Protein backbone atom coordinates (compact mmCIF):
# COMPACT_ATOMS: atom_id res chain seq x y z
CA MET A 1 -19.94 7.96 17.84
CA ILE A 2 -17.44 5.99 15.74
CA ASN A 3 -14.28 4.42 17.14
CA VAL A 4 -11.66 3.95 14.41
CA ILE A 5 -9.14 1.28 15.43
CA GLY A 6 -5.68 1.57 13.86
CA LEU A 7 -4.38 4.99 12.79
CA GLY A 8 -1.99 4.03 10.01
CA TYR A 9 -2.07 4.83 6.31
CA ILE A 10 -5.76 3.86 6.02
CA GLY A 11 -7.25 4.35 9.47
CA LEU A 12 -6.01 7.90 10.06
CA PRO A 13 -7.29 9.42 6.79
CA THR A 14 -10.60 7.60 7.27
CA ALA A 15 -11.00 8.90 10.84
CA LEU A 16 -10.09 12.44 9.80
CA MET A 17 -12.43 12.35 6.81
CA LEU A 18 -15.35 11.11 8.91
CA ALA A 19 -14.74 13.72 11.60
CA SER A 20 -14.32 16.59 9.15
CA HIS A 21 -17.70 15.67 7.64
CA GLY A 22 -19.66 15.84 10.85
CA GLN A 23 -19.25 12.40 12.42
CA ALA A 24 -18.25 12.10 16.09
CA VAL A 25 -14.99 10.13 16.01
CA VAL A 26 -12.43 8.71 18.42
CA GLY A 27 -9.26 7.33 16.85
CA THR A 28 -7.53 4.52 18.75
CA ASP A 29 -4.07 3.09 18.26
CA CYS A 30 -1.91 0.92 20.53
CA ASN A 31 1.16 2.99 19.62
CA GLN A 32 1.48 5.69 22.27
CA GLU A 33 3.88 7.71 20.09
CA ILE A 34 1.26 7.98 17.33
CA ILE A 35 -1.39 9.14 19.80
CA ASP A 36 0.99 11.66 21.39
CA ARG A 37 1.90 13.16 18.02
CA LEU A 38 -1.73 13.42 16.94
CA ASN A 39 -2.72 15.01 20.25
CA HIS A 40 0.12 17.51 19.91
CA GLY A 41 -0.96 18.71 16.48
CA GLU A 42 1.19 16.53 14.20
CA THR A 43 0.22 14.08 11.48
CA THR A 44 2.25 10.88 11.40
CA PHE A 45 3.04 10.56 7.69
CA ARG A 46 3.20 12.76 4.62
CA GLU A 47 0.22 12.91 2.29
CA ASN A 48 -1.14 15.73 0.15
CA GLY A 49 -3.86 17.58 2.05
CA LEU A 50 -3.59 15.47 5.20
CA THR A 51 -2.52 18.34 7.47
CA ASP A 52 -5.46 20.51 6.41
CA LEU A 53 -7.83 17.57 6.89
CA TYR A 54 -6.34 16.96 10.34
CA HIS A 55 -7.03 20.53 11.44
CA ALA A 56 -10.59 20.36 10.09
CA ALA A 57 -11.16 17.15 12.04
CA ARG A 58 -9.72 18.68 15.23
CA GLU A 59 -12.06 21.64 14.87
CA ASN A 60 -14.94 19.15 14.65
CA GLY A 61 -13.87 17.45 17.88
CA ILE A 62 -12.00 14.30 16.89
CA LEU A 63 -10.25 12.61 19.82
CA PHE A 64 -7.24 10.29 19.92
CA SER A 65 -6.56 7.65 22.55
CA THR A 66 -4.87 4.31 23.17
CA GLU A 67 -8.09 3.18 24.88
CA TYR A 68 -10.94 1.44 23.08
CA GLN A 69 -14.23 3.29 23.47
CA LYS A 70 -17.83 2.28 24.12
CA THR A 71 -19.46 3.49 20.89
CA GLU A 72 -22.19 2.50 18.48
CA VAL A 73 -19.87 1.85 15.53
CA TYR A 74 -16.32 0.49 15.27
CA ILE A 75 -14.08 0.59 12.20
CA VAL A 76 -11.12 -1.80 12.38
CA SER A 77 -8.29 -0.76 10.07
CA VAL A 78 -5.23 -2.69 11.21
CA PRO A 79 -2.57 -4.44 9.10
CA THR A 80 -3.18 -7.90 7.62
CA PRO A 81 0.19 -9.37 6.56
CA TYR A 82 0.57 -12.86 5.18
CA ASP A 83 2.43 -15.79 6.64
CA ASP A 84 5.78 -16.10 4.83
CA ILE A 85 5.53 -19.89 4.74
CA THR A 86 1.85 -20.66 4.09
CA LYS A 87 1.16 -17.41 2.18
CA GLN A 88 -2.17 -17.27 4.00
CA VAL A 89 -3.58 -14.17 5.69
CA ASP A 90 -2.22 -13.55 9.17
CA PRO A 91 -5.33 -12.40 11.10
CA THR A 92 -3.47 -11.74 14.35
CA TYR A 93 -3.89 -7.96 14.35
CA VAL A 94 -7.55 -8.14 13.32
CA VAL A 95 -8.35 -10.80 15.92
CA SER A 96 -6.60 -8.80 18.64
CA ALA A 97 -8.40 -5.59 17.73
CA VAL A 98 -11.81 -7.28 17.57
CA ASN A 99 -11.27 -8.95 20.94
CA GLN A 100 -10.45 -5.56 22.45
CA VAL A 101 -13.53 -4.03 20.85
CA LEU A 102 -15.79 -6.78 22.21
CA LYS A 103 -14.52 -6.13 25.74
CA VAL A 104 -16.08 -2.66 25.68
CA ALA A 105 -18.87 -2.93 23.07
CA SER A 106 -22.56 -2.97 23.90
CA LYS A 107 -25.27 -5.12 22.34
CA GLY A 108 -26.27 -3.75 18.96
CA ALA A 109 -22.83 -2.39 18.11
CA ILE A 110 -21.75 -2.38 14.46
CA LEU A 111 -18.27 -3.78 13.83
CA ILE A 112 -16.84 -2.77 10.44
CA ILE A 113 -13.69 -4.50 9.21
CA GLU A 114 -11.83 -2.26 6.74
CA SER A 115 -8.64 -4.33 6.77
CA THR A 116 -8.15 -6.34 3.59
CA VAL A 117 -8.63 -10.05 4.22
CA SER A 118 -8.91 -13.22 2.17
CA PRO A 119 -12.39 -14.54 1.33
CA GLY A 120 -13.85 -16.32 4.36
CA THR A 121 -11.55 -14.69 6.93
CA ILE A 122 -14.36 -12.91 8.76
CA ASP A 123 -16.37 -16.14 9.02
CA ARG A 124 -13.34 -18.16 10.13
CA TYR A 125 -11.64 -15.76 12.52
CA VAL A 126 -13.90 -12.84 13.44
CA ARG A 127 -17.40 -14.28 13.73
CA PRO A 128 -16.37 -16.93 16.34
CA LEU A 129 -15.03 -14.16 18.58
CA ILE A 130 -18.56 -12.89 19.21
CA PRO A 131 -19.81 -15.88 21.27
CA GLN A 132 -16.36 -16.26 22.82
CA ASN A 133 -16.82 -12.79 24.32
CA GLY A 134 -20.28 -13.54 25.72
CA PHE A 135 -22.48 -12.17 22.91
CA SER A 136 -25.04 -13.94 20.78
CA ALA A 137 -24.72 -13.83 16.99
CA GLU A 138 -27.48 -11.20 16.86
CA ASP A 139 -25.85 -8.89 19.40
CA ILE A 140 -22.99 -7.65 17.18
CA HIS A 141 -23.49 -6.64 13.54
CA LEU A 142 -20.56 -7.56 11.29
CA VAL A 143 -19.72 -5.54 8.18
CA HIS A 144 -16.80 -5.57 5.73
CA ALA A 145 -15.99 -2.29 3.98
CA PRO A 146 -12.55 -2.72 2.37
CA GLU A 147 -10.56 0.42 1.61
CA ARG A 148 -9.67 1.38 -1.96
CA ILE A 149 -7.16 4.21 -1.69
CA LEU A 150 -3.64 4.78 -2.94
CA PRO A 151 -0.87 6.66 -1.09
CA GLY A 152 -0.14 9.93 -2.86
CA ASN A 153 -3.80 10.42 -3.79
CA MET A 154 -5.54 9.18 -0.65
CA LEU A 155 -7.88 12.02 0.10
CA PHE A 156 -9.20 12.39 -3.43
CA GLU A 157 -9.75 8.64 -3.68
CA LEU A 158 -11.45 8.47 -0.27
CA GLU A 159 -13.99 10.97 -1.57
CA HIS A 160 -14.38 9.82 -5.16
CA ASN A 161 -13.69 6.07 -5.41
CA SER A 162 -16.61 3.66 -5.28
CA ARG A 163 -16.89 1.50 -2.16
CA THR A 164 -18.24 -1.92 -1.30
CA ILE A 165 -20.21 -2.59 1.88
CA GLY A 166 -20.65 -6.26 2.77
CA ALA A 167 -23.13 -6.93 5.58
CA ASP A 168 -25.15 -9.81 7.05
CA ASP A 169 -28.19 -7.59 7.45
CA PRO A 170 -29.23 -5.31 4.52
CA GLU A 171 -30.61 -2.74 6.97
CA ILE A 172 -27.26 -2.55 8.76
CA GLY A 173 -25.55 -2.33 5.37
CA GLU A 174 -27.74 0.64 4.48
CA TYR A 175 -26.95 2.32 7.82
CA VAL A 176 -23.22 1.89 7.19
CA ARG A 177 -23.64 3.12 3.63
CA LYS A 178 -25.03 6.40 5.00
CA ILE A 179 -21.98 6.76 7.28
CA TYR A 180 -19.57 6.49 4.37
CA ALA A 181 -21.85 8.61 2.17
CA SER A 182 -21.20 11.51 4.56
CA PHE A 183 -17.97 12.02 2.60
CA CYS A 184 -17.88 9.46 -0.26
CA LYS A 185 -19.16 10.79 -3.59
CA GLY A 186 -18.55 7.51 -5.43
CA THR A 187 -21.01 4.66 -5.87
CA ILE A 188 -21.45 2.59 -2.71
CA VAL A 189 -22.44 -0.99 -3.48
CA LEU A 190 -24.18 -3.19 -0.89
CA THR A 191 -23.51 -6.93 -0.91
CA ASP A 192 -22.68 -9.81 1.43
CA ILE A 193 -19.48 -10.07 3.47
CA THR A 194 -17.74 -12.84 1.52
CA THR A 195 -18.38 -11.10 -1.81
CA ALA A 196 -16.90 -7.90 -0.40
CA GLU A 197 -13.83 -9.83 0.80
CA MET A 198 -13.35 -11.43 -2.61
CA THR A 199 -13.81 -8.28 -4.69
CA LYS A 200 -11.07 -6.37 -2.84
CA VAL A 201 -8.54 -9.18 -3.16
CA ILE A 202 -9.39 -9.71 -6.84
CA GLU A 203 -8.90 -6.01 -7.63
CA ASN A 204 -5.31 -6.07 -6.41
CA THR A 205 -4.69 -9.50 -7.91
CA TYR A 206 -5.73 -8.18 -11.32
CA ARG A 207 -3.15 -5.41 -11.05
CA ALA A 208 -0.44 -7.81 -9.83
CA VAL A 209 -1.02 -10.13 -12.80
CA ASN A 210 -1.01 -7.19 -15.23
CA ILE A 211 2.30 -5.94 -13.80
CA ALA A 212 3.79 -9.42 -14.05
CA PHE A 213 2.72 -9.56 -17.71
CA ALA A 214 4.48 -6.22 -18.32
CA ASN A 215 7.60 -7.42 -16.50
CA GLU A 216 7.75 -10.62 -18.53
CA LEU A 217 7.27 -8.68 -21.77
CA MET A 218 10.07 -6.34 -20.70
CA LYS A 219 12.49 -9.25 -20.28
CA LEU A 220 11.50 -10.67 -23.67
CA CYS A 221 11.91 -7.31 -25.41
CA ARG A 222 15.29 -6.72 -23.80
CA HIS A 223 16.47 -10.14 -24.98
CA GLU A 224 15.32 -9.32 -28.51
CA GLY A 225 16.60 -5.73 -28.53
CA MET A 226 13.18 -4.06 -28.57
CA ASP A 227 11.86 -1.05 -26.65
CA ILE A 228 9.16 -2.34 -24.29
CA ASN A 229 7.96 1.15 -23.35
CA GLU A 230 7.34 2.07 -26.98
CA ILE A 231 5.60 -1.25 -27.55
CA ILE A 232 3.31 -0.78 -24.53
CA ARG A 233 2.55 2.81 -25.62
CA ILE A 234 1.41 1.61 -29.03
CA CYS A 235 -0.52 -1.39 -27.69
CA ASN A 236 -2.39 0.79 -25.22
CA MET A 237 -3.78 2.85 -28.10
CA HIS A 238 -6.12 -0.10 -28.64
CA PRO A 239 -9.41 0.75 -26.88
CA ARG A 240 -9.54 -2.58 -25.01
CA VAL A 241 -5.86 -2.86 -24.00
CA ASN A 242 -4.36 -1.37 -20.85
CA ILE A 243 -0.93 -2.87 -20.12
CA LEU A 244 0.68 -1.46 -16.99
CA SER A 245 4.33 -0.42 -16.84
CA PRO A 246 7.17 -2.80 -15.96
CA GLY A 247 9.37 -1.87 -13.03
CA PRO A 248 11.88 -2.97 -10.40
CA GLY A 249 9.34 -4.87 -8.31
CA VAL A 250 6.02 -4.41 -6.57
CA GLY A 251 5.71 -2.59 -3.26
CA GLY A 252 3.16 -1.16 -0.87
CA HIS A 253 0.79 -3.03 1.39
CA CYS A 254 -1.78 -4.15 -1.21
CA ILE A 255 -0.52 -5.47 -4.54
CA PRO A 256 2.45 -7.53 -3.25
CA ILE A 257 0.42 -9.01 -0.37
CA ASP A 258 -3.30 -9.31 -1.13
CA PRO A 259 -2.95 -11.74 -4.07
CA TRP A 260 -1.07 -14.16 -1.82
CA PHE A 261 -4.30 -14.50 0.19
CA LEU A 262 -5.84 -16.22 -2.83
CA VAL A 263 -2.76 -18.34 -3.51
CA GLY A 264 -2.45 -19.30 0.15
CA ASP A 265 -6.08 -20.34 0.49
CA PHE A 266 -6.79 -21.60 -3.04
CA GLY A 267 -3.35 -22.45 -4.41
CA ASP A 268 -4.42 -25.43 -6.50
CA GLN A 269 -6.91 -23.23 -8.35
CA MET A 270 -4.60 -20.23 -8.82
CA PRO A 271 -1.65 -21.34 -11.02
CA LEU A 272 -1.71 -18.15 -13.12
CA VAL A 273 -1.72 -15.86 -10.07
CA SER A 274 0.98 -17.91 -8.34
CA THR A 275 3.25 -17.63 -11.38
CA ALA A 276 2.58 -13.89 -11.70
CA LEU A 277 3.52 -13.26 -8.09
CA LYS A 278 6.77 -15.17 -8.49
CA ILE A 279 7.63 -13.07 -11.55
CA ASN A 280 7.08 -9.86 -9.58
CA ASP A 281 8.98 -11.15 -6.55
CA GLU A 282 12.00 -11.90 -8.76
CA MET A 283 12.24 -8.36 -10.16
CA PRO A 284 14.61 -6.93 -7.49
CA GLU A 285 16.98 -9.81 -8.32
CA TYR A 286 16.68 -8.96 -12.01
CA VAL A 287 17.51 -5.32 -11.19
CA PHE A 288 20.65 -6.41 -9.36
CA THR A 289 21.69 -8.47 -12.38
CA ARG A 290 21.21 -5.44 -14.63
CA ILE A 291 23.23 -3.28 -12.19
CA CYS A 292 26.13 -5.73 -12.48
CA GLU A 293 25.85 -5.75 -16.27
CA VAL A 294 25.89 -1.96 -16.49
CA MET A 295 28.81 -1.81 -14.07
CA ARG A 296 30.85 -4.21 -16.23
CA GLU A 297 29.95 -2.38 -19.41
CA ASN A 298 31.14 0.91 -17.91
CA LYS A 299 34.14 -0.52 -16.04
CA ILE A 300 32.77 0.27 -12.57
CA THR A 301 34.15 -2.19 -10.05
CA ASP A 302 33.13 -0.71 -6.71
CA PHE A 303 29.52 -1.01 -5.47
CA SER A 304 30.09 2.07 -3.29
CA LYS A 305 30.15 4.07 -6.54
CA VAL A 306 26.60 2.91 -7.29
CA GLY A 307 23.64 4.84 -5.89
CA LEU A 308 20.06 3.65 -5.46
CA TYR A 309 17.70 6.58 -5.90
CA GLY A 310 14.44 5.97 -4.05
CA LEU A 311 13.48 4.02 -0.94
CA THR A 312 9.70 4.33 -1.13
CA TYR A 313 7.55 1.91 -3.07
CA LYS A 314 6.12 4.59 -5.39
CA GLU A 315 6.74 8.17 -6.38
CA ASN A 316 6.06 11.19 -4.18
CA VAL A 317 5.06 9.34 -0.99
CA ASP A 318 7.01 8.44 2.15
CA ASP A 319 5.67 4.87 2.34
CA VAL A 320 8.52 2.33 2.24
CA ARG A 321 6.45 -0.81 2.91
CA GLN A 322 7.62 -3.72 0.71
CA SER A 323 9.62 -1.31 -1.45
CA PRO A 324 11.66 -2.88 -4.27
CA THR A 325 14.76 -1.03 -3.02
CA LEU A 326 14.47 -2.57 0.44
CA GLN A 327 13.86 -5.98 -1.15
CA LEU A 328 17.01 -5.58 -3.25
CA LEU A 329 19.11 -4.48 -0.27
CA ALA A 330 17.83 -7.38 1.83
CA ARG A 331 19.08 -9.82 -0.80
CA HIS A 332 22.26 -7.94 -1.74
CA PRO A 333 23.59 -5.80 1.16
CA GLU A 334 26.30 -4.21 -0.96
CA PRO A 335 27.67 -0.78 0.07
CA PHE A 336 25.34 1.12 -2.28
CA ALA A 337 24.76 4.80 -1.60
CA VAL A 338 21.04 5.35 -1.01
CA TYR A 339 18.94 8.50 -1.19
CA ASP A 340 15.25 9.39 -1.13
CA PRO A 341 13.93 12.94 -0.71
CA MET A 342 10.75 11.61 0.92
CA VAL A 343 12.54 9.63 3.66
CA GLN A 344 14.10 11.96 6.20
CA LYS A 345 15.24 9.44 8.80
CA ALA A 346 17.94 6.80 8.45
CA ILE A 347 16.51 3.36 7.72
CA VAL A 348 19.36 1.74 5.76
CA GLN A 349 23.13 1.84 5.74
CA ASN A 350 24.90 4.45 3.59
CA GLN A 351 21.74 6.56 3.36
CA MET A 352 22.31 10.16 2.34
CA PHE A 353 20.07 13.17 2.89
CA ARG A 354 21.25 15.68 0.30
CA PHE A 355 20.79 14.99 -3.40
CA GLU A 356 23.99 16.85 -4.23
CA ASP A 357 26.04 14.64 -1.90
CA PHE A 358 24.40 11.54 -3.34
CA CYS A 359 25.18 12.53 -6.93
CA SER A 360 28.76 13.46 -6.06
CA ALA A 361 29.37 10.04 -4.49
CA CYS A 362 28.06 8.00 -7.44
CA GLU A 363 29.20 7.12 -10.90
CA LEU A 364 26.15 4.97 -11.61
CA ILE A 365 22.70 6.02 -10.36
CA VAL A 366 19.92 3.44 -10.37
CA VAL A 367 16.53 5.15 -10.49
CA MET A 368 14.25 2.93 -8.43
CA VAL A 369 11.50 5.54 -7.89
CA GLY A 370 10.39 8.32 -10.21
CA HIS A 371 9.92 11.15 -7.71
CA ASP A 372 9.13 14.58 -9.17
CA GLU A 373 12.55 15.72 -7.93
CA ILE A 374 14.22 13.93 -10.83
CA LYS A 375 11.37 13.96 -13.34
CA CYS A 376 11.26 17.76 -13.20
CA ASN A 377 15.04 18.27 -13.26
CA ASP A 378 17.47 16.58 -15.63
CA SER A 379 20.52 18.79 -15.01
CA TRP A 380 22.07 16.15 -12.72
CA GLN A 381 22.20 13.59 -15.54
CA ALA A 382 24.96 15.17 -17.62
CA ASP A 383 27.97 13.26 -16.24
CA LYS A 384 26.21 10.23 -14.71
CA ILE A 385 25.58 6.73 -15.94
CA ILE A 386 21.94 5.93 -15.23
CA LEU A 387 20.04 2.67 -14.97
CA ASP A 388 16.43 3.81 -15.17
CA THR A 389 13.94 1.22 -13.89
CA ARG A 390 10.99 3.64 -14.11
CA ASN A 391 11.38 5.09 -17.62
CA VAL A 392 11.63 8.69 -16.39
CA CYS A 393 15.10 9.66 -17.71
CA GLN A 394 16.32 10.35 -21.22
CA GLY A 395 19.83 10.65 -22.63
CA LYS A 396 22.73 8.76 -24.16
CA ASN A 397 23.98 7.51 -20.79
CA VAL A 398 20.64 6.02 -19.77
CA PHE A 399 20.24 2.24 -19.59
CA ARG A 400 16.90 0.43 -19.20
CA LEU A 401 15.88 -2.75 -17.50
């Protein structure tokens, strides 16, 4: 049996996928509300195909509990934020979960850390917990199997993305590989734990640096009166060029956080990454500056006539973690109208829940997220001034970053 610890955006799909493919699974979370909802037939967030996967897993006997279980295998998938001051990984949730696991685990148990951590975190923070809980180093088998999935396409990527399994013991690594191979059709690479830690952080750091490059190019092109989106389109025709799109900031749990693990631990050796992260972090401030410019140009003097479309960090998901809109509002709590079709509960002031009401209240609409709702319907644009940070709108009244 497998006990999956942490039933958030990563842990829940992983537990459901394992169970629906024949593994005996118990999902554990300290949040009683999450467990109650799952036991009463509800999923806890919106994701394409998640409800169907949930029902398949229930048919195969998955259980949900706030209690840690005595099982052969544990998968820890809890958040790993960074310290705002040191920018180093905050291992508190991982350490707490592992300590709870070791209170019920038997000798020979396999402990898989899926949470993204900085290189060396498992050696520094997790491995010492084993003797502290009365086990020898050989009693508990440590493995790192970092997730590689993206909200909005989670289930496809769980099945088709390649995976990395880092283990102390190659035989244990092979055993874990077979567990993930029960549903994963991608290549599963076996390596050591520190290499697995480093590869995951580097993957997201690469994307963060690429986005920062696009954002810096966007600012340059705006200053010189050039169209950055057309320039990127042409450049990406080159077979060895793949510039990502500029935008209002970087959100989610991975790209805005994971690279800081490298900067926090190896800052003196990461000047490029440190600069890139600062560029991305400054983008919500740049958006606010552009909002003020567009307001002046169109003689709009009241921030309550400005609407921010989109609260999530990317299109067509309900995940608001680190979203550029929330970052902007935290820095500039002006009376903006706010609307997002994917967020159905109030999380900010002046939030609206009908697109028609939102449009009626606003003279200037700032597109922060390119949900299909607006990409597939341009009828609302006719009499609105639009600041499009995602390059999804066309028309004479559309301004760009």
